[in-house]
PDB file of N, CA and C in Angstrom:
ATOM      1  N   UNK A   1      10.363  14.241   1.772  1.00  0.00           N
ATOM      2  CA  UNK A   1      10.972  13.459   2.807  1.00  0.00           C
ATOM      3  C   UNK A   1      10.674  11.984   2.522  1.00  0.00           C
ATOM      4  N   UNK A   2      11.719  11.186   2.352  1.00  0.00           N
ATOM      5  CA  UNK A   2      11.567   9.763   2.063  1.00  0.00           C
ATOM      6  C   UNK A   2      11.566   8.978   3.370  1.00  0.00           C
ATOM      7  N   UNK A   3      10.526   8.142   3.554  1.00  0.00           N
ATOM      8  CA  UNK A   3      10.379   7.324   4.749  1.00  0.00           C
ATOM      9  C   UNK A   3      10.409   5.846   4.349  1.00  0.00           C
ATOM     10  N   UNK A   4      11.265   5.036   4.997  1.00  0.00           N
ATOM     11  CA  UNK A   4      11.209   3.600   4.704  1.00  0.00           C
ATOM     12  C   UNK A   4       9.913   3.015   5.236  1.00  0.00           C
ATOM     13  N   UNK A   5       9.396   2.021   4.554  1.00  0.00           N
ATOM     14  CA  UNK A   5       8.168   1.347   4.980  1.00  0.00           C
ATOM     15  C   UNK A   5       8.450  -0.123   5.228  1.00  0.00           C
ATOM     16  N   UNK A   6       7.769  -0.680   6.187  1.00  0.00           N
ATOM     17  CA  UNK A   6       7.842  -2.113   6.471  1.00  0.00           C
ATOM     18  C   UNK A   6       6.483  -2.704   6.133  1.00  0.00           C
ATOM     19  N   UNK A   7       6.456  -3.670   5.225  1.00  0.00           N
ATOM     20  CA  UNK A   7       5.197  -4.329   4.902  1.00  0.00           C
ATOM     21  C   UNK A   7       4.728  -5.104   6.125  1.00  0.00           C
ATOM     22  N   UNK A   8       3.600  -4.704   6.705  1.00  0.00           N
ATOM     23  CA  UNK A   8       3.055  -5.390   7.874  1.00  0.00           C
ATOM     24  C   UNK A   8       2.238  -6.602   7.455  1.00  0.00           C
ATOM     25  N   UNK A   9       1.708  -6.582   6.250  1.00  0.00           N
ATOM     26  CA  UNK A   9       0.922  -7.703   5.758  1.00  0.00           C
ATOM     27  C   UNK A   9       0.642  -7.564   4.282  1.00  0.00           C
ATOM     28  N   UNK A  10       0.221  -8.684   3.708  1.00  0.00           N
ATOM     29  CA  UNK A  10      -0.095  -8.682   2.279  1.00  0.00           C
ATOM     30  C   UNK A  10      -1.009  -9.859   2.020  1.00  0.00           C
ATOM     31  N   UNK A  11      -1.937  -9.685   1.116  1.00  0.00           N
ATOM     32  CA  UNK A  11      -2.846 -10.757   0.724  1.00  0.00           C
ATOM     33  C   UNK A  11      -3.139 -10.604  -0.770  1.00  0.00           C
ATOM     34  N   UNK A  12      -3.192 -11.725  -1.436  1.00  0.00           N
ATOM     35  CA  UNK A  12      -3.531 -11.717  -2.856  1.00  0.00           C
ATOM     36  C   UNK A  12      -5.041 -11.655  -2.983  1.00  0.00           C
ATOM     37  N   UNK A  13      -5.526 -10.716  -3.785  1.00  0.00           N
ATOM     38  CA  UNK A  13      -6.952 -10.538  -4.031  1.00  0.00           C
ATOM     39  C   UNK A  13      -7.329 -11.188  -5.358  1.00  0.00           C
ATOM     40  N   UNK A  14      -8.595 -11.525  -5.546  1.00  0.00           N
ATOM     41  CA  UNK A  14      -9.005 -12.033  -6.858  1.00  0.00           C
ATOM     42  C   UNK A  14      -8.747 -10.974  -7.930  1.00  0.00           C
ATOM     43  N   UNK A  15      -8.148 -11.385  -9.025  1.00  0.00           N
ATOM     44  CA  UNK A  15      -7.888 -10.455 -10.123  1.00  0.00           C
ATOM     45  C   UNK A  15      -9.169 -10.256 -10.913  1.00  0.00           C
ATOM     46  N   UNK A  16      -9.647  -9.015 -10.955  1.00  0.00           N
ATOM     47  CA  UNK A  16     -10.838  -8.695 -11.746  1.00  0.00           C
ATOM     48  C   UNK A  16     -10.533  -7.656 -12.817  1.00  0.00           C
ATOM     49  N   UNK A  17      -9.623  -6.763 -12.506  1.00  0.00           N
ATOM     50  CA  UNK A  17      -9.218  -5.708 -13.442  1.00  0.00           C
ATOM     51  C   UNK A  17      -7.953  -5.064 -12.885  1.00  0.00           C
ATOM     52  N   UNK A  18      -7.296  -4.274 -13.683  1.00  0.00           N
ATOM     53  CA  UNK A  18      -6.097  -3.565 -13.242  1.00  0.00           C
ATOM     54  C   UNK A  18      -6.502  -2.551 -12.184  1.00  0.00           C
ATOM     55  N   UNK A  19      -5.811  -2.572 -11.025  1.00  0.00           N
ATOM     56  CA  UNK A  19      -6.110  -1.645  -9.932  1.00  0.00           C
ATOM     57  C   UNK A  19      -4.812  -1.088  -9.384  1.00  0.00           C
ATOM     58  N   UNK A  20      -4.862   0.154  -8.949  1.00  0.00           N
ATOM     59  CA  UNK A  20      -3.726   0.769  -8.283  1.00  0.00           C
ATOM     60  C   UNK A  20      -4.232   1.944  -7.464  1.00  0.00           C
ATOM     61  N   UNK A  21      -4.135   1.821  -6.140  1.00  0.00           N
ATOM     62  CA  UNK A  21      -4.494   2.944  -5.299  1.00  0.00           C
ATOM     63  C   UNK A  21      -3.813   2.789  -3.951  1.00  0.00           C
ATOM     64  N   UNK A  22      -3.720   3.891  -3.260  1.00  0.00           N
ATOM     65  CA  UNK A  22      -3.176   3.913  -1.899  1.00  0.00           C
ATOM     66  C   UNK A  22      -4.042   4.846  -1.080  1.00  0.00           C
ATOM     67  N   UNK A  23      -4.284   4.454   0.156  1.00  0.00           N
ATOM     68  CA  UNK A  23      -5.078   5.292   1.054  1.00  0.00           C
ATOM     69  C   UNK A  23      -4.671   4.982   2.484  1.00  0.00           C
ATOM     70  N   UNK A  24      -4.855   5.950   3.329  1.00  0.00           N
ATOM     71  CA  UNK A  24      -4.528   5.792   4.735  1.00  0.00           C
ATOM     72  C   UNK A  24      -5.833   5.648   5.509  1.00  0.00           C
ATOM     73  N   UNK A  25      -5.958   4.581   6.278  1.00  0.00           N
ATOM     74  CA  UNK A  25      -7.159   4.300   7.056  1.00  0.00           C
ATOM     75  C   UNK A  25      -6.856   4.621   8.509  1.00  0.00           C
ATOM     76  N   UNK A  26      -7.711   5.442   9.108  1.00  0.00           N
ATOM     77  CA  UNK A  26      -7.476   5.897  10.482  1.00  0.00           C
ATOM     78  C   UNK A  26      -8.522   5.391  11.471  1.00  0.00           C
ATOM     79  N   UNK A  27      -9.444   4.524  11.010  1.00  0.00           N
ATOM     80  CA  UNK A  27     -10.447   3.974  11.930  1.00  0.00           C
ATOM     81  C   UNK A  27     -10.846   2.567  11.496  1.00  0.00           C
ATOM     82  N   UNK A  28     -11.266   1.797  12.452  1.00  0.00           N
ATOM     83  CA  UNK A  28     -11.679   0.419  12.214  1.00  0.00           C
ATOM     84  C   UNK A  28     -12.826   0.349  11.210  1.00  0.00           C
ATOM     85  N   UNK A  29     -13.731   1.300  11.262  1.00  0.00           N
ATOM     86  CA  UNK A  29     -14.908   1.281  10.387  1.00  0.00           C
ATOM     87  C   UNK A  29     -14.551   1.481   8.913  1.00  0.00           C
ATOM     88  N   UNK A  30     -13.348   1.956   8.625  1.00  0.00           N
ATOM     89  CA  UNK A  30     -12.956   2.214   7.230  1.00  0.00           C
ATOM     90  C   UNK A  30     -12.103   1.102   6.638  1.00  0.00           C
ATOM     91  N   UNK A  31     -11.845   0.042   7.423  1.00  0.00           N
ATOM     92  CA  UNK A  31     -11.064  -1.085   6.905  1.00  0.00           C
ATOM     93  C   UNK A  31     -11.882  -1.880   5.898  1.00  0.00           C
ATOM     94  N   UNK A  32     -11.259  -2.348   4.824  1.00  0.00           N
ATOM     95  CA  UNK A  32     -11.989  -3.231   3.909  1.00  0.00           C
ATOM     96  C   UNK A  32     -12.246  -4.576   4.585  1.00  0.00           C
ATOM     97  N   UNK A  33     -13.216  -5.296   4.072  1.00  0.00           N
ATOM     98  CA  UNK A  33     -13.586  -6.599   4.632  1.00  0.00           C
ATOM     99  C   UNK A  33     -12.611  -7.660   4.125  1.00  0.00           C
ATOM    100  N   UNK A  34     -11.448  -7.701   4.768  1.00  0.00           N
ATOM    101  CA  UNK A  34     -10.396  -8.656   4.431  1.00  0.00           C
ATOM    102  C   UNK A  34     -10.007  -9.358   5.736  1.00  0.00           C
ATOM    103  N   UNK A  35     -10.183 -10.674   5.819  1.00  0.00           N
ATOM    104  CA  UNK A  35      -9.931 -11.386   7.080  1.00  0.00           C
ATOM    105  C   UNK A  35      -8.550 -11.119   7.676  1.00  0.00           C
ATOM    106  N   UNK A  36      -7.548 -10.917   6.854  1.00  0.00           N
ATOM    107  CA  UNK A  36      -6.190 -10.685   7.350  1.00  0.00           C
ATOM    108  C   UNK A  36      -6.062  -9.386   8.127  1.00  0.00           C
ATOM    109  N   UNK A  37      -7.043  -8.499   8.024  1.00  0.00           N
ATOM    110  CA  UNK A  37      -7.012  -7.224   8.750  1.00  0.00           C
ATOM    111  C   UNK A  37      -7.811  -7.279  10.059  1.00  0.00           C
ATOM    112  N   UNK A  38      -8.386  -8.437  10.380  1.00  0.00           N
ATOM    113  CA  UNK A  38      -9.235  -8.554  11.566  1.00  0.00           C
ATOM    114  C   UNK A  38      -8.506  -8.358  12.885  1.00  0.00           C
ATOM    115  N   UNK A  39      -7.186  -8.443  12.896  1.00  0.00           N
ATOM    116  CA  UNK A  39      -6.447  -8.294  14.157  1.00  0.00           C
ATOM    117  C   UNK A  39      -6.345  -6.833  14.595  1.00  0.00           C
ATOM    118  N   UNK A  40      -6.678  -5.891  13.713  1.00  0.00           N
ATOM    119  CA  UNK A  40      -6.605  -4.477  14.083  1.00  0.00           C
ATOM    120  C   UNK A  40      -7.875  -4.082  14.828  1.00  0.00           C
ATOM    121  N   UNK A  41      -7.689  -3.343  15.930  1.00  0.00           N
ATOM    122  CA  UNK A  41      -8.809  -2.974  16.791  1.00  0.00           C
ATOM    123  C   UNK A  41      -8.802  -1.463  17.051  1.00  0.00           C
ATOM    124  N   UNK A  42      -9.825  -0.937  17.743  1.00  0.00           N
ATOM    125  CA  UNK A  42      -9.898   0.506  17.995  1.00  0.00           C
ATOM    126  C   UNK A  42      -8.665   1.045  18.744  1.00  0.00           C
ATOM    127  N   UNK A  43      -8.078   0.239  19.614  1.00  0.00           N
ATOM    128  CA  UNK A  43      -6.895   0.700  20.352  1.00  0.00           C
ATOM    129  C   UNK A  43      -5.732   0.991  19.398  1.00  0.00           C
ATOM    130  N   UNK A  44      -5.574   0.156  18.361  1.00  0.00           N
ATOM    131  CA  UNK A  44      -4.524   0.398  17.381  1.00  0.00           C
ATOM    132  C   UNK A  44      -4.715   1.762  16.721  1.00  0.00           C
ATOM    133  N   UNK A  45      -5.961   2.043  16.331  1.00  0.00           N
ATOM    134  CA  UNK A  45      -6.239   3.276  15.603  1.00  0.00           C
ATOM    135  C   UNK A  45      -6.214   4.521  16.485  1.00  0.00           C
ATOM    136  N   UNK A  46      -6.107   4.357  17.787  1.00  0.00           N
ATOM    137  CA  UNK A  46      -5.986   5.514  18.678  1.00  0.00           C
ATOM    138  C   UNK A  46      -4.669   6.256  18.443  1.00  0.00           C
ATOM    139  N   UNK A  47      -3.649   5.550  18.002  1.00  0.00           N
ATOM    140  CA  UNK A  47      -2.358   6.206  17.798  1.00  0.00           C
ATOM    141  C   UNK A  47      -1.664   5.874  16.499  1.00  0.00           C
ATOM    142  N   UNK A  48      -2.313   5.062  15.649  1.00  0.00           N
ATOM    143  CA  UNK A  48      -1.700   4.634  14.396  1.00  0.00           C
ATOM    144  C   UNK A  48      -2.724   4.671  13.266  1.00  0.00           C
ATOM    145  N   UNK A  49      -2.230   4.446  12.078  1.00  0.00           N
ATOM    146  CA  UNK A  49      -3.075   4.303  10.899  1.00  0.00           C
ATOM    147  C   UNK A  49      -2.516   3.161  10.073  1.00  0.00           C
ATOM    148  N   UNK A  50      -3.286   2.706   9.113  1.00  0.00           N
ATOM    149  CA  UNK A  50      -2.806   1.702   8.165  1.00  0.00           C
ATOM    150  C   UNK A  50      -2.760   2.325   6.779  1.00  0.00           C
ATOM    151  N   UNK A  51      -1.617   2.242   6.147  1.00  0.00           N
ATOM    152  CA  UNK A  51      -1.475   2.651   4.763  1.00  0.00           C
ATOM    153  C   UNK A  51      -1.791   1.424   3.919  1.00  0.00           C
ATOM    154  N   UNK A  52      -2.917   1.450   3.194  1.00  0.00           N
ATOM    155  CA  UNK A  52      -3.359   0.328   2.372  1.00  0.00           C
ATOM    156  C   UNK A  52      -3.029   0.610   0.915  1.00  0.00           C
ATOM    157  N   UNK A  53      -2.371  -0.320   0.280  1.00  0.00           N
ATOM    158  CA  UNK A  53      -1.986  -0.182  -1.126  1.00  0.00           C
ATOM    159  C   UNK A  53      -2.565  -1.362  -1.879  1.00  0.00           C
ATOM    160  N   UNK A  54      -3.366  -1.084  -2.892  1.00  0.00           N
ATOM    161  CA  UNK A  54      -3.885  -2.116  -3.777  1.00  0.00           C
ATOM    162  C   UNK A  54      -3.220  -1.906  -5.123  1.00  0.00           C
ATOM    163  N   UNK A  55      -2.578  -2.951  -5.630  1.00  0.00           N
ATOM    164  CA  UNK A  55      -1.882  -2.789  -6.900  1.00  0.00           C
ATOM    165  C   UNK A  55      -1.895  -4.091  -7.675  1.00  0.00           C
ATOM    166  N   UNK A  56      -2.130  -3.989  -8.968  1.00  0.00           N
ATOM    167  CA  UNK A  56      -2.053  -5.144  -9.846  1.00  0.00           C
ATOM    168  C   UNK A  56      -0.656  -5.173 -10.440  1.00  0.00           C
ATOM    169  N   UNK A  57       0.015  -6.289 -10.249  1.00  0.00           N
ATOM    170  CA  UNK A  57       1.357  -6.461 -10.797  1.00  0.00           C
ATOM    171  C   UNK A  57       1.290  -7.466 -11.934  1.00  0.00           C
ATOM    172  N   UNK A  58       2.346  -7.569 -12.670  1.00  0.00           N
ATOM    173  CA  UNK A  58       2.397  -8.539 -13.767  1.00  0.00           C
ATOM    174  C   UNK A  58       2.677  -9.938 -13.248  1.00  0.00           C
ATOM    175  N   UNK A  59       2.759 -10.114 -11.914  1.00  0.00           N
ATOM    176  CA  UNK A  59       3.057 -11.429 -11.356  1.00  0.00           C
ATOM    177  C   UNK A  59       2.264 -11.728 -10.111  1.00  0.00           C
ATOM    178  N   UNK A  60       1.818 -12.955 -10.004  1.00  0.00           N
ATOM    179  CA  UNK A  60       1.225 -13.442  -8.780  1.00  0.00           C
ATOM    180  C   UNK A  60       2.185 -14.341  -8.026  1.00  0.00           C
ATOM    181  N   UNK A  61       3.291 -14.715  -8.657  1.00  0.00           N
ATOM    182  CA  UNK A  61       4.194 -15.666  -8.026  1.00  0.00           C
ATOM    183  C   UNK A  61       5.227 -15.008  -7.122  1.00  0.00           C
ATOM    184  N   UNK A  62       5.575 -13.766  -7.352  1.00  0.00           N
ATOM    185  CA  UNK A  62       6.521 -13.049  -6.499  1.00  0.00           C
ATOM    186  C   UNK A  62       5.839 -11.803  -5.966  1.00  0.00           C
ATOM    187  N   UNK A  63       5.353 -11.846  -4.723  1.00  0.00           N
ATOM    188  CA  UNK A  63       4.579 -10.724  -4.191  1.00  0.00           C
ATOM    189  C   UNK A  63       5.414  -9.459  -4.005  1.00  0.00           C
ATOM    190  N   UNK A  64       4.817  -8.297  -4.257  1.00  0.00           N
ATOM    191  CA  UNK A  64       5.525  -7.036  -4.059  1.00  0.00           C
ATOM    192  C   UNK A  64       5.676  -6.721  -2.576  1.00  0.00           C
ATOM    193  N   UNK A  65       6.605  -5.823  -2.273  1.00  0.00           N
ATOM    194  CA  UNK A  65       6.754  -5.329  -0.906  1.00  0.00           C
ATOM    195  C   UNK A  65       6.700  -3.808  -0.946  1.00  0.00           C
ATOM    196  N   UNK A  66       6.250  -3.223   0.147  1.00  0.00           N
ATOM    197  CA  UNK A  66       6.277  -1.773   0.262  1.00  0.00           C
ATOM    198  C   UNK A  66       7.728  -1.365   0.471  1.00  0.00           C
ATOM    199  N   UNK A  67       8.144  -0.322  -0.206  1.00  0.00           N
ATOM    200  CA  UNK A  67       9.538   0.100  -0.153  1.00  0.00           C
ATOM    201  C   UNK A  67       9.695   1.405   0.619  1.00  0.00           C
ATOM    202  N   UNK A  68       9.183   2.483   0.070  1.00  0.00           N
ATOM    203  CA  UNK A  68       9.284   3.784   0.730  1.00  0.00           C
ATOM    204  C   UNK A  68       8.016   4.586   0.500  1.00  0.00           C
ATOM    205  N   UNK A  69       7.854   5.601   1.327  1.00  0.00           N
ATOM    206  CA  UNK A  69       6.816   6.606   1.125  1.00  0.00           C
ATOM    207  C   UNK A  69       7.541   7.943   0.998  1.00  0.00           C
ATOM    208  N   UNK A  70       7.311   8.620  -0.097  1.00  0.00           N
ATOM    209  CA  UNK A  70       7.863   9.959  -0.296  1.00  0.00           C
ATOM    210  C   UNK A  70       6.768  10.950   0.055  1.00  0.00           C
ATOM    211  N   UNK A  71       7.026  11.801   1.029  1.00  0.00           N
ATOM    212  CA  UNK A  71       6.017  12.747   1.492  1.00  0.00           C
ATOM    213  C   UNK A  71       6.491  14.162   1.180  1.00  0.00           C
ATOM    214  N   UNK A  72       5.686  14.880   0.385  1.00  0.00           N
ATOM    215  CA  UNK A  72       6.011  16.241  -0.011  1.00  0.00           C
ATOM    216  C   UNK A  72       4.730  17.056  -0.092  1.00  0.00           C
ATOM    217  N   UNK A  73       4.688  18.169   0.603  1.00  0.00           N
ATOM    218  CA  UNK A  73       3.579  19.127   0.498  1.00  0.00           C
ATOM    219  C   UNK A  73       2.196  18.476   0.599  1.00  0.00           C
ATOM    220  N   UNK A  74       1.981  17.659   1.613  1.00  0.00           N
ATOM    221  CA  UNK A  74       0.671  17.069   1.846  1.00  0.00           C
ATOM    222  C   UNK A  74       0.315  15.912   0.939  1.00  0.00           C
ATOM    223  N   UNK A  75       1.283  15.396   0.210  1.00  0.00           N
ATOM    224  CA  UNK A  75       1.031  14.283  -0.707  1.00  0.00           C
ATOM    225  C   UNK A  75       2.062  13.192  -0.453  1.00  0.00           C
ATOM    226  N   UNK A  76       1.606  11.941  -0.449  1.00  0.00           N
ATOM    227  CA  UNK A  76       2.507  10.806  -0.283  1.00  0.00           C
ATOM    228  C   UNK A  76       2.493   9.921  -1.509  1.00  0.00           C
ATOM    229  N   UNK A  77       3.659   9.430  -1.895  1.00  0.00           N
ATOM    230  CA  UNK A  77       3.789   8.478  -2.992  1.00  0.00           C
ATOM    231  C   UNK A  77       4.411   7.211  -2.447  1.00  0.00           C
ATOM    232  N   UNK A  78       3.717   6.101  -2.584  1.00  0.00           N
ATOM    233  CA  UNK A  78       4.211   4.812  -2.118  1.00  0.00           C
ATOM    234  C   UNK A  78       4.952   4.142  -3.264  1.00  0.00           C
ATOM    235  N   UNK A  79       6.153   3.663  -2.978  1.00  0.00           N
ATOM    236  CA  UNK A  79       6.933   2.948  -3.979  1.00  0.00           C
ATOM    237  C   UNK A  79       6.997   1.471  -3.594  1.00  0.00           C
ATOM    238  N   UNK A  80       6.742   0.624  -4.592  1.00  0.00           N
ATOM    239  CA  UNK A  80       6.762  -0.818  -4.383  1.00  0.00           C
ATOM    240  C   UNK A  80       7.994  -1.404  -5.035  1.00  0.00           C
ATOM    241  N   UNK A  81       8.413  -2.564  -4.555  1.00  0.00           N
ATOM    242  CA  UNK A  81       9.442  -3.355  -5.216  1.00  0.00           C
ATOM    243  C   UNK A  81       8.818  -4.689  -5.576  1.00  0.00           C
ATOM    244  N   UNK A  82       9.033  -5.129  -6.825  1.00  0.00           N
ATOM    245  CA  UNK A  82       8.542  -6.448  -7.205  1.00  0.00           C
ATOM    246  C   UNK A  82       9.232  -6.903  -8.480  1.00  0.00           C
ATOM    247  N   UNK A  83       9.264  -8.212  -8.653  1.00  0.00           N
ATOM    248  CA  UNK A  83       9.719  -8.849  -9.880  1.00  0.00           C
ATOM    249  C   UNK A  83       8.562  -9.746 -10.291  1.00  0.00           C
ATOM    250  N   UNK A  84       8.185  -9.705 -11.564  1.00  0.00           N
ATOM    251  CA  UNK A  84       6.893 -10.297 -11.894  1.00  0.00           C
ATOM    252  C   UNK A  84       6.915 -11.225 -13.096  1.00  0.00           C
ATOM    253  N   UNK A  85       5.945 -12.151 -13.124  1.00  0.00           N
ATOM    254  CA  UNK A  85       5.790 -13.115 -14.218  1.00  0.00           C
ATOM    255  C   UNK A  85       4.342 -13.234 -14.707  1.00  0.00           C
ATOM    256  N   UNK A  86       3.360 -13.253 -13.800  1.00  0.00           N
ATOM    257  CA  UNK A  86       1.954 -13.436 -14.178  1.00  0.00           C
ATOM    258  C   UNK A  86       1.071 -12.462 -13.388  1.00  0.00           C
ATOM    259  N   UNK A  87      -0.093 -12.110 -13.932  1.00  0.00           N
ATOM    260  CA  UNK A  87      -0.951 -11.078 -13.340  1.00  0.00           C
ATOM    261  C   UNK A  87      -1.487 -11.470 -11.966  1.00  0.00           C
ATOM    262  N   UNK A  88      -1.524 -10.481 -11.061  1.00  0.00           N
ATOM    263  CA  UNK A  88      -2.125 -10.661  -9.736  1.00  0.00           C
ATOM    264  C   UNK A  88      -2.412  -9.293  -9.149  1.00  0.00           C
ATOM    265  N   UNK A  89      -3.445  -9.224  -8.324  1.00  0.00           N
ATOM    266  CA  UNK A  89      -3.749  -8.006  -7.573  1.00  0.00           C
ATOM    267  C   UNK A  89      -3.443  -8.281  -6.112  1.00  0.00           C
ATOM    268  N   UNK A  90      -2.741  -7.341  -5.494  1.00  0.00           N
ATOM    269  CA  UNK A  90      -2.303  -7.490  -4.105  1.00  0.00           C
ATOM    270  C   UNK A  90      -2.832  -6.345  -3.259  1.00  0.00           C
ATOM    271  N   UNK A  91      -3.180  -6.653  -2.019  1.00  0.00           N
ATOM    272  CA  UNK A  91      -3.444  -5.641  -1.002  1.00  0.00           C
ATOM    273  C   UNK A  91      -2.298  -5.736  -0.011  1.00  0.00           C
ATOM    274  N   UNK A  92      -1.565  -4.643   0.161  1.00  0.00           N
ATOM    275  CA  UNK A  92      -0.453  -4.578   1.099  1.00  0.00           C
ATOM    276  C   UNK A  92      -0.773  -3.511   2.126  1.00  0.00           C
ATOM    277  N   UNK A  93      -0.216  -3.646   3.324  1.00  0.00           N
ATOM    278  CA  UNK A  93      -0.440  -2.604   4.314  1.00  0.00           C
ATOM    279  C   UNK A  93       0.788  -2.422   5.178  1.00  0.00           C
ATOM    280  N   UNK A  94       0.898  -1.200   5.692  1.00  0.00           N
ATOM    281  CA  UNK A  94       1.978  -0.837   6.603  1.00  0.00           C
ATOM    282  C   UNK A  94       1.367  -0.042   7.749  1.00  0.00           C
ATOM    283  N   UNK A  95       1.901  -0.240   8.935  1.00  0.00           N
ATOM    284  CA  UNK A  95       1.468   0.528  10.099  1.00  0.00           C
ATOM    285  C   UNK A  95       2.248   1.834  10.099  1.00  0.00           C
ATOM    286  N   UNK A  96       1.520   2.949  10.081  1.00  0.00           N
ATOM    287  CA  UNK A  96       2.141   4.263   9.915  1.00  0.00           C
ATOM    288  C   UNK A  96       1.585   5.240  10.956  1.00  0.00           C
ATOM    289  N   UNK A  97       2.216   6.407  11.092  1.00  0.00           N
ATOM    290  CA  UNK A  97       1.698   7.414  12.029  1.00  0.00           C
ATOM    291  C   UNK A  97       0.298   7.873  11.622  1.00  0.00           C
ATOM    292  N   UNK A  98      -0.534   8.137  12.608  1.00  0.00           N
ATOM    293  CA  UNK A  98      -1.905   8.563  12.341  1.00  0.00           C
ATOM    294  C   UNK A  98      -1.935   9.873  11.550  1.00  0.00           C
ATOM    295  N   UNK A  99      -0.923  10.704  11.663  1.00  0.00           N
ATOM    296  CA  UNK A  99      -0.879  11.976  10.927  1.00  0.00           C
ATOM    297  C   UNK A  99      -0.832  11.764   9.414  1.00  0.00           C
ATOM    298  N   UNK A 100      -0.424  10.603   8.953  1.00  0.00           N
ATOM    299  CA  UNK A 100      -0.398  10.332   7.516  1.00  0.00           C
ATOM    300  C   UNK A 100      -1.800  10.227   6.937  1.00  0.00           C
ATOM    301  N   UNK A 101      -2.810  10.105   7.790  1.00  0.00           N
ATOM    302  CA  UNK A 101      -4.187  10.027   7.319  1.00  0.00           C
ATOM    303  C   UNK A 101      -4.658  11.294   6.641  1.00  0.00           C
ATOM    304  N   UNK A 102      -3.962  12.410   6.871  1.00  0.00           N
ATOM    305  CA  UNK A 102      -4.335  13.685   6.263  1.00  0.00           C
ATOM    306  C   UNK A 102      -3.728  13.879   4.875  1.00  0.00           C
ATOM    307  N   UNK A 103      -2.875  12.963   4.424  1.00  0.00           N
ATOM    308  CA  UNK A 103      -2.196  13.111   3.137  1.00  0.00           C
ATOM    309  C   UNK A 103      -3.007  12.474   2.017  1.00  0.00           C
ATOM    310  N   UNK A 104      -2.855  12.986   0.809  1.00  0.00           N
ATOM    311  CA  UNK A 104      -3.377  12.282  -0.362  1.00  0.00           C
ATOM    312  C   UNK A 104      -2.273  11.332  -0.817  1.00  0.00           C
ATOM    313  N   UNK A 105      -2.639  10.213  -1.425  1.00  0.00           N
ATOM    314  CA  UNK A 105      -1.671   9.171  -1.738  1.00  0.00           C
ATOM    315  C   UNK A 105      -1.751   8.726  -3.185  1.00  0.00           C
ATOM    316  N   UNK A 106      -0.636   8.266  -3.721  1.00  0.00           N
ATOM    317  CA  UNK A 106      -0.544   7.678  -5.053  1.00  0.00           C
ATOM    318  C   UNK A 106       0.422   6.506  -4.973  1.00  0.00           C
ATOM    319  N   UNK A 107       0.390   5.645  -5.981  1.00  0.00           N
ATOM    320  CA  UNK A 107       1.287   4.492  -6.051  1.00  0.00           C
ATOM    321  C   UNK A 107       2.220   4.677  -7.235  1.00  0.00           C
ATOM    322  N   UNK A 108       3.519   4.457  -7.015  1.00  0.00           N
ATOM    323  CA  UNK A 108       4.485   4.519  -8.114  1.00  0.00           C
ATOM    324  C   UNK A 108       4.430   3.201  -8.875  1.00  0.00           C
ATOM    325  N   UNK A 109       4.572   3.267 -10.172  1.00  0.00           N
ATOM    326  CA  UNK A 109       4.484   2.103 -11.047  1.00  0.00           C
ATOM    327  C   UNK A 109       5.623   1.129 -10.756  1.00  0.00           C
ATOM    328  N   UNK A 110       5.318  -0.058 -10.210  1.00  0.00           N
ATOM    329  CA  UNK A 110       6.373  -1.001  -9.862  1.00  0.00           C
ATOM    330  C   UNK A 110       6.981  -1.712 -11.059  1.00  0.00           C
ATOM    331  N   UNK A 111       6.387  -1.580 -12.231  1.00  0.00           N
ATOM    332  CA  UNK A 111       6.900  -2.272 -13.405  1.00  0.00           C
ATOM    333  C   UNK A 111       8.117  -1.573 -14.006  1.00  0.00           C
ATOM    334  N   UNK A 112       8.359  -0.341 -13.602  1.00  0.00           N
ATOM    335  CA  UNK A 112       9.480   0.405 -14.149  1.00  0.00           C
ATOM    336  C   UNK A 112      10.686   0.308 -13.232  1.00  0.00           C
ATOM    337  N   UNK A 113      11.897   0.361 -13.772  1.00  0.00           N
ATOM    338  CA  UNK A 113      13.073   0.381 -12.896  1.00  0.00           C
ATOM    339  C   UNK A 113      13.063   1.632 -12.033  1.00  0.00           C
ATOM    340  N   UNK A 114      13.748   1.616 -10.863  1.00  0.00           N
ATOM    341  CA  UNK A 114      13.675   2.728  -9.921  1.00  0.00           C
ATOM    342  C   UNK A 114      13.962   4.100 -10.526  1.00  0.00           C
ATOM    343  N   UNK A 115      14.855   4.174 -11.473  1.00  0.00           N
ATOM    344  CA  UNK A 115      15.172   5.491 -12.056  1.00  0.00           C
ATOM    345  C   UNK A 115      14.078   5.992 -13.004  1.00  0.00           C
ATOM    346  N   UNK A 116      13.102   5.160 -13.314  1.00  0.00           N
ATOM    347  CA  UNK A 116      12.038   5.559 -14.232  1.00  0.00           C
ATOM    348  C   UNK A 116      10.653   5.454 -13.593  1.00  0.00           C
ATOM    349  N   UNK A 117      10.564   5.431 -12.273  1.00  0.00           N
ATOM    350  CA  UNK A 117       9.261   5.326 -11.621  1.00  0.00           C
ATOM    351  C   UNK A 117       8.380   6.497 -12.015  1.00  0.00           C
ATOM    352  N   UNK A 118       7.134   6.200 -12.285  1.00  0.00           N
ATOM    353  CA  UNK A 118       6.173   7.249 -12.613  1.00  0.00           C
ATOM    354  C   UNK A 118       4.867   6.935 -11.908  1.00  0.00           C
ATOM    355  N   UNK A 119       4.015   7.909 -11.828  1.00  0.00           N
ATOM    356  CA  UNK A 119       2.719   7.710 -11.184  1.00  0.00           C
ATOM    357  C   UNK A 119       1.683   7.335 -12.207  1.00  0.00           C
ATOM    358  N   UNK A 120       0.726   6.505 -11.784  1.00  0.00           N
ATOM    359  CA  UNK A 120      -0.404   6.203 -12.657  1.00  0.00           C
ATOM    360  C   UNK A 120      -1.649   6.146 -11.847  1.00  0.00           C
TER     361      UNK A 120
END
C-alpha cells in the first residue's frame, strides 16, 4: 500500500559519513537531540508518531523531500525525491499514524531514477 508523505521538517546535519536509515519514533524520550524537533510534546505522541529519515545525498544545495511510504507485510520503505550536486546528510521527518511505529523501515536510494529505486 503506497501512502503519500508530507515532509513536516528537515534539517541539514554535519556530514561525517554516509548514512541512510528510517525509523518511527512513538515517544518524546526517543527523539534525537535536534533543536528543530523541540516543538513535539507528549500530547503529540498520544496519537501520532514521527517517521525520521536520515540520508546522505550527493547534494547539500537542493534538500530532499519525503515522497511516499510503501507499506507491505509489516515493512515500510520510504522513498525520497532529490536532485543533487554536493554531499550532505539530512534529517527529514513526517507526522504519521502511531500504528506505523510497529513497522520496520528502510530508505530507497534517492540517487537512482524512480524506475530503478533499490534499497541500501
